[in-house]
């Protein structure tokens, strides 16, 4: 996780290959962001995943049987959330 106080950790592709465990530990356990460089240029960013994927949410929602009223309320909430994001 990149925050206002710390810059992402810059790591070369060679360093990642040599010491991937400690780099992944920094990302996973300390919430740091690692930027992997190749030939001196930023190539990839590794950061911790948060929450669940869209696919997982849809899979979970698909397993629930909503009443018509609940479905209307859920649809309205999703549309309101989409308007806020735009």
N, C-alpha and C. Protein backbone atom coordinates (compact mmCIF):
# COMPACT_ATOMS: atom_id res chain seq x y z
N UNK A 1 0.85 -1.19 0.00
CA UNK A 1 0.00 0.00 0.00
C UNK A 1 0.88 1.23 0.00
N UNK A 2 0.73 2.03 -0.97
CA UNK A 2 1.48 3.27 -1.01
C UNK A 2 0.72 4.30 -0.19
N UNK A 3 1.44 5.05 0.62
CA UNK A 3 0.78 6.10 1.38
C UNK A 3 1.51 7.42 1.17
N UNK A 4 1.04 8.44 1.83
CA UNK A 4 1.58 9.77 1.62
C UNK A 4 3.00 9.92 2.17
N UNK A 5 3.44 9.03 3.04
CA UNK A 5 4.72 9.18 3.70
C UNK A 5 5.85 8.40 3.04
N UNK A 6 5.53 7.33 2.35
CA UNK A 6 6.56 6.46 1.82
C UNK A 6 6.40 6.28 0.31
N UNK A 7 7.52 6.34 -0.35
CA UNK A 7 7.54 6.09 -1.79
C UNK A 7 7.59 4.58 -2.00
N UNK A 8 7.15 4.10 -3.16
CA UNK A 8 7.26 2.67 -3.44
C UNK A 8 8.73 2.23 -3.40
N UNK A 9 8.94 0.99 -3.04
CA UNK A 9 10.28 0.42 -3.04
C UNK A 9 10.64 0.07 -4.48
N UNK A 10 11.79 0.53 -4.95
CA UNK A 10 12.25 0.22 -6.30
C UNK A 10 13.15 -1.01 -6.23
N UNK A 11 12.86 -2.00 -7.07
CA UNK A 11 13.60 -3.26 -7.08
C UNK A 11 13.88 -3.62 -8.54
N UNK A 12 15.10 -4.04 -8.81
CA UNK A 12 15.39 -4.48 -10.17
C UNK A 12 14.82 -5.89 -10.37
N UNK A 13 14.63 -6.26 -11.61
CA UNK A 13 14.14 -7.60 -11.92
C UNK A 13 15.10 -8.66 -11.39
N UNK A 14 16.38 -8.37 -11.44
CA UNK A 14 17.38 -9.30 -10.91
C UNK A 14 17.23 -9.46 -9.40
N UNK A 15 17.04 -8.35 -8.69
CA UNK A 15 16.84 -8.41 -7.24
C UNK A 15 15.57 -9.19 -6.90
N UNK A 16 14.52 -8.99 -7.67
CA UNK A 16 13.28 -9.74 -7.45
C UNK A 16 13.52 -11.23 -7.62
N UNK A 17 14.24 -11.61 -8.66
CA UNK A 17 14.54 -13.02 -8.90
C UNK A 17 15.38 -13.61 -7.77
N UNK A 18 16.28 -12.82 -7.23
CA UNK A 18 17.19 -13.28 -6.19
C UNK A 18 16.53 -13.34 -4.82
N UNK A 19 15.61 -12.40 -4.54
CA UNK A 19 15.08 -12.27 -3.18
C UNK A 19 13.58 -12.01 -3.18
N UNK A 20 12.83 -12.80 -3.92
CA UNK A 20 11.39 -12.56 -4.05
C UNK A 20 10.65 -12.73 -2.73
N UNK A 21 11.09 -13.63 -1.86
CA UNK A 21 10.38 -13.84 -0.59
C UNK A 21 10.34 -12.59 0.27
N UNK A 22 11.46 -11.92 0.44
CA UNK A 22 11.46 -10.73 1.30
C UNK A 22 10.70 -9.57 0.66
N UNK A 23 10.75 -9.48 -0.66
CA UNK A 23 10.01 -8.43 -1.36
C UNK A 23 8.51 -8.67 -1.23
N UNK A 24 8.08 -9.90 -1.43
CA UNK A 24 6.66 -10.22 -1.27
C UNK A 24 6.21 -10.04 0.18
N UNK A 25 7.06 -10.38 1.14
CA UNK A 25 6.73 -10.15 2.55
C UNK A 25 6.50 -8.67 2.83
N UNK A 26 7.34 -7.81 2.25
CA UNK A 26 7.18 -6.37 2.44
C UNK A 26 5.85 -5.89 1.88
N UNK A 27 5.47 -6.43 0.74
CA UNK A 27 4.21 -6.05 0.11
C UNK A 27 3.02 -6.60 0.91
N UNK A 28 3.06 -7.87 1.23
CA UNK A 28 1.92 -8.52 1.88
C UNK A 28 1.76 -8.10 3.32
N UNK A 29 2.85 -8.16 4.09
CA UNK A 29 2.73 -7.95 5.53
C UNK A 29 2.88 -6.50 5.97
N UNK A 30 3.64 -5.71 5.24
CA UNK A 30 3.85 -4.31 5.64
C UNK A 30 3.08 -3.34 4.75
N UNK A 31 2.40 -3.88 3.73
CA UNK A 31 1.59 -3.02 2.88
C UNK A 31 2.37 -2.12 1.95
N UNK A 32 3.64 -2.44 1.72
CA UNK A 32 4.44 -1.61 0.82
C UNK A 32 4.09 -1.90 -0.64
N UNK A 33 4.43 -0.98 -1.50
CA UNK A 33 4.30 -1.17 -2.94
C UNK A 33 5.71 -1.32 -3.51
N UNK A 34 5.90 -2.32 -4.36
CA UNK A 34 7.21 -2.53 -4.99
C UNK A 34 7.08 -2.23 -6.48
N UNK A 35 7.99 -1.42 -6.98
CA UNK A 35 8.06 -1.13 -8.41
C UNK A 35 9.27 -1.88 -8.95
N UNK A 36 9.01 -2.78 -9.88
CA UNK A 36 10.08 -3.58 -10.46
C UNK A 36 10.59 -2.87 -11.71
N UNK A 37 11.89 -2.70 -11.78
CA UNK A 37 12.49 -2.03 -12.93
C UNK A 37 13.21 -3.04 -13.81
N UNK A 38 13.20 -2.74 -15.08
CA UNK A 38 13.92 -3.57 -16.05
C UNK A 38 14.65 -2.61 -16.99
N UNK A 39 15.94 -2.81 -17.12
CA UNK A 39 16.78 -1.94 -17.95
C UNK A 39 16.65 -0.48 -17.50
N UNK A 40 16.53 -0.28 -16.19
CA UNK A 40 16.49 1.07 -15.63
C UNK A 40 15.16 1.78 -15.71
N UNK A 41 14.12 1.11 -16.24
CA UNK A 41 12.81 1.74 -16.39
C UNK A 41 11.77 0.96 -15.58
N UNK A 42 10.82 1.69 -15.00
CA UNK A 42 9.73 1.04 -14.28
C UNK A 42 8.97 0.12 -15.22
N UNK A 43 8.78 -1.14 -14.79
CA UNK A 43 8.11 -2.11 -15.65
C UNK A 43 6.83 -2.64 -15.03
N UNK A 44 6.86 -2.92 -13.73
CA UNK A 44 5.73 -3.57 -13.07
C UNK A 44 5.59 -3.03 -11.65
N UNK A 45 4.36 -2.96 -11.19
CA UNK A 45 4.10 -2.57 -9.81
C UNK A 45 3.45 -3.75 -9.10
N UNK A 46 3.96 -4.08 -7.92
CA UNK A 46 3.38 -5.15 -7.12
C UNK A 46 2.81 -4.50 -5.87
N UNK A 47 1.52 -4.75 -5.64
CA UNK A 47 0.89 -4.22 -4.43
C UNK A 47 -0.10 -5.25 -3.90
N UNK A 48 -0.43 -5.09 -2.65
CA UNK A 48 -1.34 -6.03 -2.00
C UNK A 48 -2.74 -5.90 -2.56
N UNK A 49 -3.38 -7.02 -2.74
CA UNK A 49 -4.76 -7.05 -3.22
C UNK A 49 -5.68 -6.79 -2.03
N UNK A 50 -6.67 -5.99 -2.26
CA UNK A 50 -7.65 -5.68 -1.21
C UNK A 50 -9.02 -6.15 -1.64
N UNK A 51 -9.80 -6.56 -0.68
CA UNK A 51 -11.18 -6.93 -0.97
C UNK A 51 -11.28 -8.18 -1.82
N UNK A 52 -12.38 -8.29 -2.51
CA UNK A 52 -12.62 -9.44 -3.37
C UNK A 52 -12.79 -8.96 -4.81
N UNK A 53 -12.62 -9.86 -5.73
CA UNK A 53 -12.74 -9.51 -7.14
C UNK A 53 -14.20 -9.34 -7.52
N UNK A 54 -14.42 -8.68 -8.64
CA UNK A 54 -15.78 -8.51 -9.17
C UNK A 54 -16.41 -9.88 -9.43
N UNK A 55 -15.60 -10.79 -9.94
CA UNK A 55 -16.10 -12.14 -10.24
C UNK A 55 -16.58 -12.85 -8.98
N UNK A 56 -15.83 -12.68 -7.89
CA UNK A 56 -16.21 -13.31 -6.62
C UNK A 56 -17.52 -12.71 -6.08
N UNK A 57 -17.66 -11.40 -6.19
CA UNK A 57 -18.89 -10.75 -5.75
C UNK A 57 -20.07 -11.28 -6.55
N UNK A 58 -19.92 -11.34 -7.88
CA UNK A 58 -21.01 -11.83 -8.73
C UNK A 58 -21.34 -13.29 -8.41
N UNK A 59 -20.31 -14.10 -8.17
CA UNK A 59 -20.54 -15.51 -7.84
C UNK A 59 -21.33 -15.63 -6.53
N UNK A 60 -20.95 -14.83 -5.55
CA UNK A 60 -21.65 -14.87 -4.26
C UNK A 60 -23.09 -14.37 -4.39
N UNK A 61 -23.27 -13.29 -5.13
CA UNK A 61 -24.62 -12.75 -5.31
C UNK A 61 -25.50 -13.72 -6.08
N UNK A 62 -24.91 -14.41 -7.05
CA UNK A 62 -25.67 -15.37 -7.85
C UNK A 62 -26.20 -16.52 -6.99
N UNK A 63 -25.49 -16.84 -5.93
CA UNK A 63 -25.90 -17.94 -5.04
C UNK A 63 -27.06 -17.54 -4.12
N UNK A 64 -27.31 -16.25 -3.99
CA UNK A 64 -28.38 -15.76 -3.11
C UNK A 64 -29.66 -15.60 -3.91
N UNK A 65 -30.76 -16.01 -3.35
CA UNK A 65 -32.06 -15.85 -4.01
C UNK A 65 -32.80 -14.67 -3.35
N UNK A 66 -32.78 -13.54 -4.05
CA UNK A 66 -33.42 -12.33 -3.53
C UNK A 66 -34.89 -12.31 -3.91
N UNK A 67 -35.71 -11.71 -3.02
CA UNK A 67 -37.10 -11.45 -3.38
C UNK A 67 -37.12 -10.34 -4.43
N UNK A 68 -38.24 -10.11 -5.07
CA UNK A 68 -38.32 -9.05 -6.08
C UNK A 68 -38.02 -7.69 -5.46
N UNK A 69 -38.52 -7.45 -4.25
CA UNK A 69 -38.27 -6.18 -3.57
C UNK A 69 -36.78 -6.02 -3.24
N UNK A 70 -36.17 -7.08 -2.73
CA UNK A 70 -34.74 -7.02 -2.42
C UNK A 70 -33.92 -6.78 -3.69
N UNK A 71 -34.31 -7.42 -4.78
CA UNK A 71 -33.61 -7.23 -6.06
C UNK A 71 -33.72 -5.78 -6.52
N UNK A 72 -34.90 -5.17 -6.36
CA UNK A 72 -35.07 -3.76 -6.74
C UNK A 72 -34.19 -2.86 -5.88
N UNK A 73 -34.17 -3.12 -4.57
CA UNK A 73 -33.34 -2.31 -3.67
C UNK A 73 -31.86 -2.45 -3.99
N UNK A 74 -31.42 -3.68 -4.27
CA UNK A 74 -30.02 -3.91 -4.60
C UNK A 74 -29.65 -3.22 -5.91
N UNK A 75 -30.51 -3.31 -6.91
CA UNK A 75 -30.27 -2.65 -8.19
C UNK A 75 -30.16 -1.14 -8.00
N UNK A 76 -31.05 -0.56 -7.20
CA UNK A 76 -31.02 0.88 -6.95
C UNK A 76 -29.72 1.27 -6.23
N UNK A 77 -29.29 0.46 -5.27
CA UNK A 77 -28.06 0.76 -4.54
C UNK A 77 -26.84 0.68 -5.46
N UNK A 78 -26.81 -0.31 -6.33
CA UNK A 78 -25.69 -0.45 -7.27
C UNK A 78 -25.64 0.73 -8.22
N UNK A 79 -26.81 1.16 -8.71
CA UNK A 79 -26.86 2.29 -9.63
C UNK A 79 -26.43 3.57 -8.91
N UNK A 80 -26.85 3.75 -7.67
CA UNK A 80 -26.45 4.94 -6.91
C UNK A 80 -24.95 4.95 -6.67
N UNK A 81 -24.38 3.77 -6.37
CA UNK A 81 -22.94 3.68 -6.18
C UNK A 81 -22.17 3.98 -7.45
N UNK A 82 -22.70 3.52 -8.58
CA UNK A 82 -22.04 3.78 -9.86
C UNK A 82 -22.05 5.26 -10.19
N UNK A 83 -23.09 5.97 -9.82
CA UNK A 83 -23.17 7.42 -10.07
C UNK A 83 -22.15 8.16 -9.23
N UNK A 84 -21.91 7.69 -8.00
CA UNK A 84 -20.94 8.34 -7.12
C UNK A 84 -19.53 8.17 -7.68
N UNK A 85 -19.24 6.99 -8.21
CA UNK A 85 -17.91 6.69 -8.74
C UNK A 85 -17.60 7.51 -9.97
N UNK A 86 -18.61 7.79 -10.79
CA UNK A 86 -18.38 8.54 -12.04
C UNK A 86 -18.06 9.93 -11.69
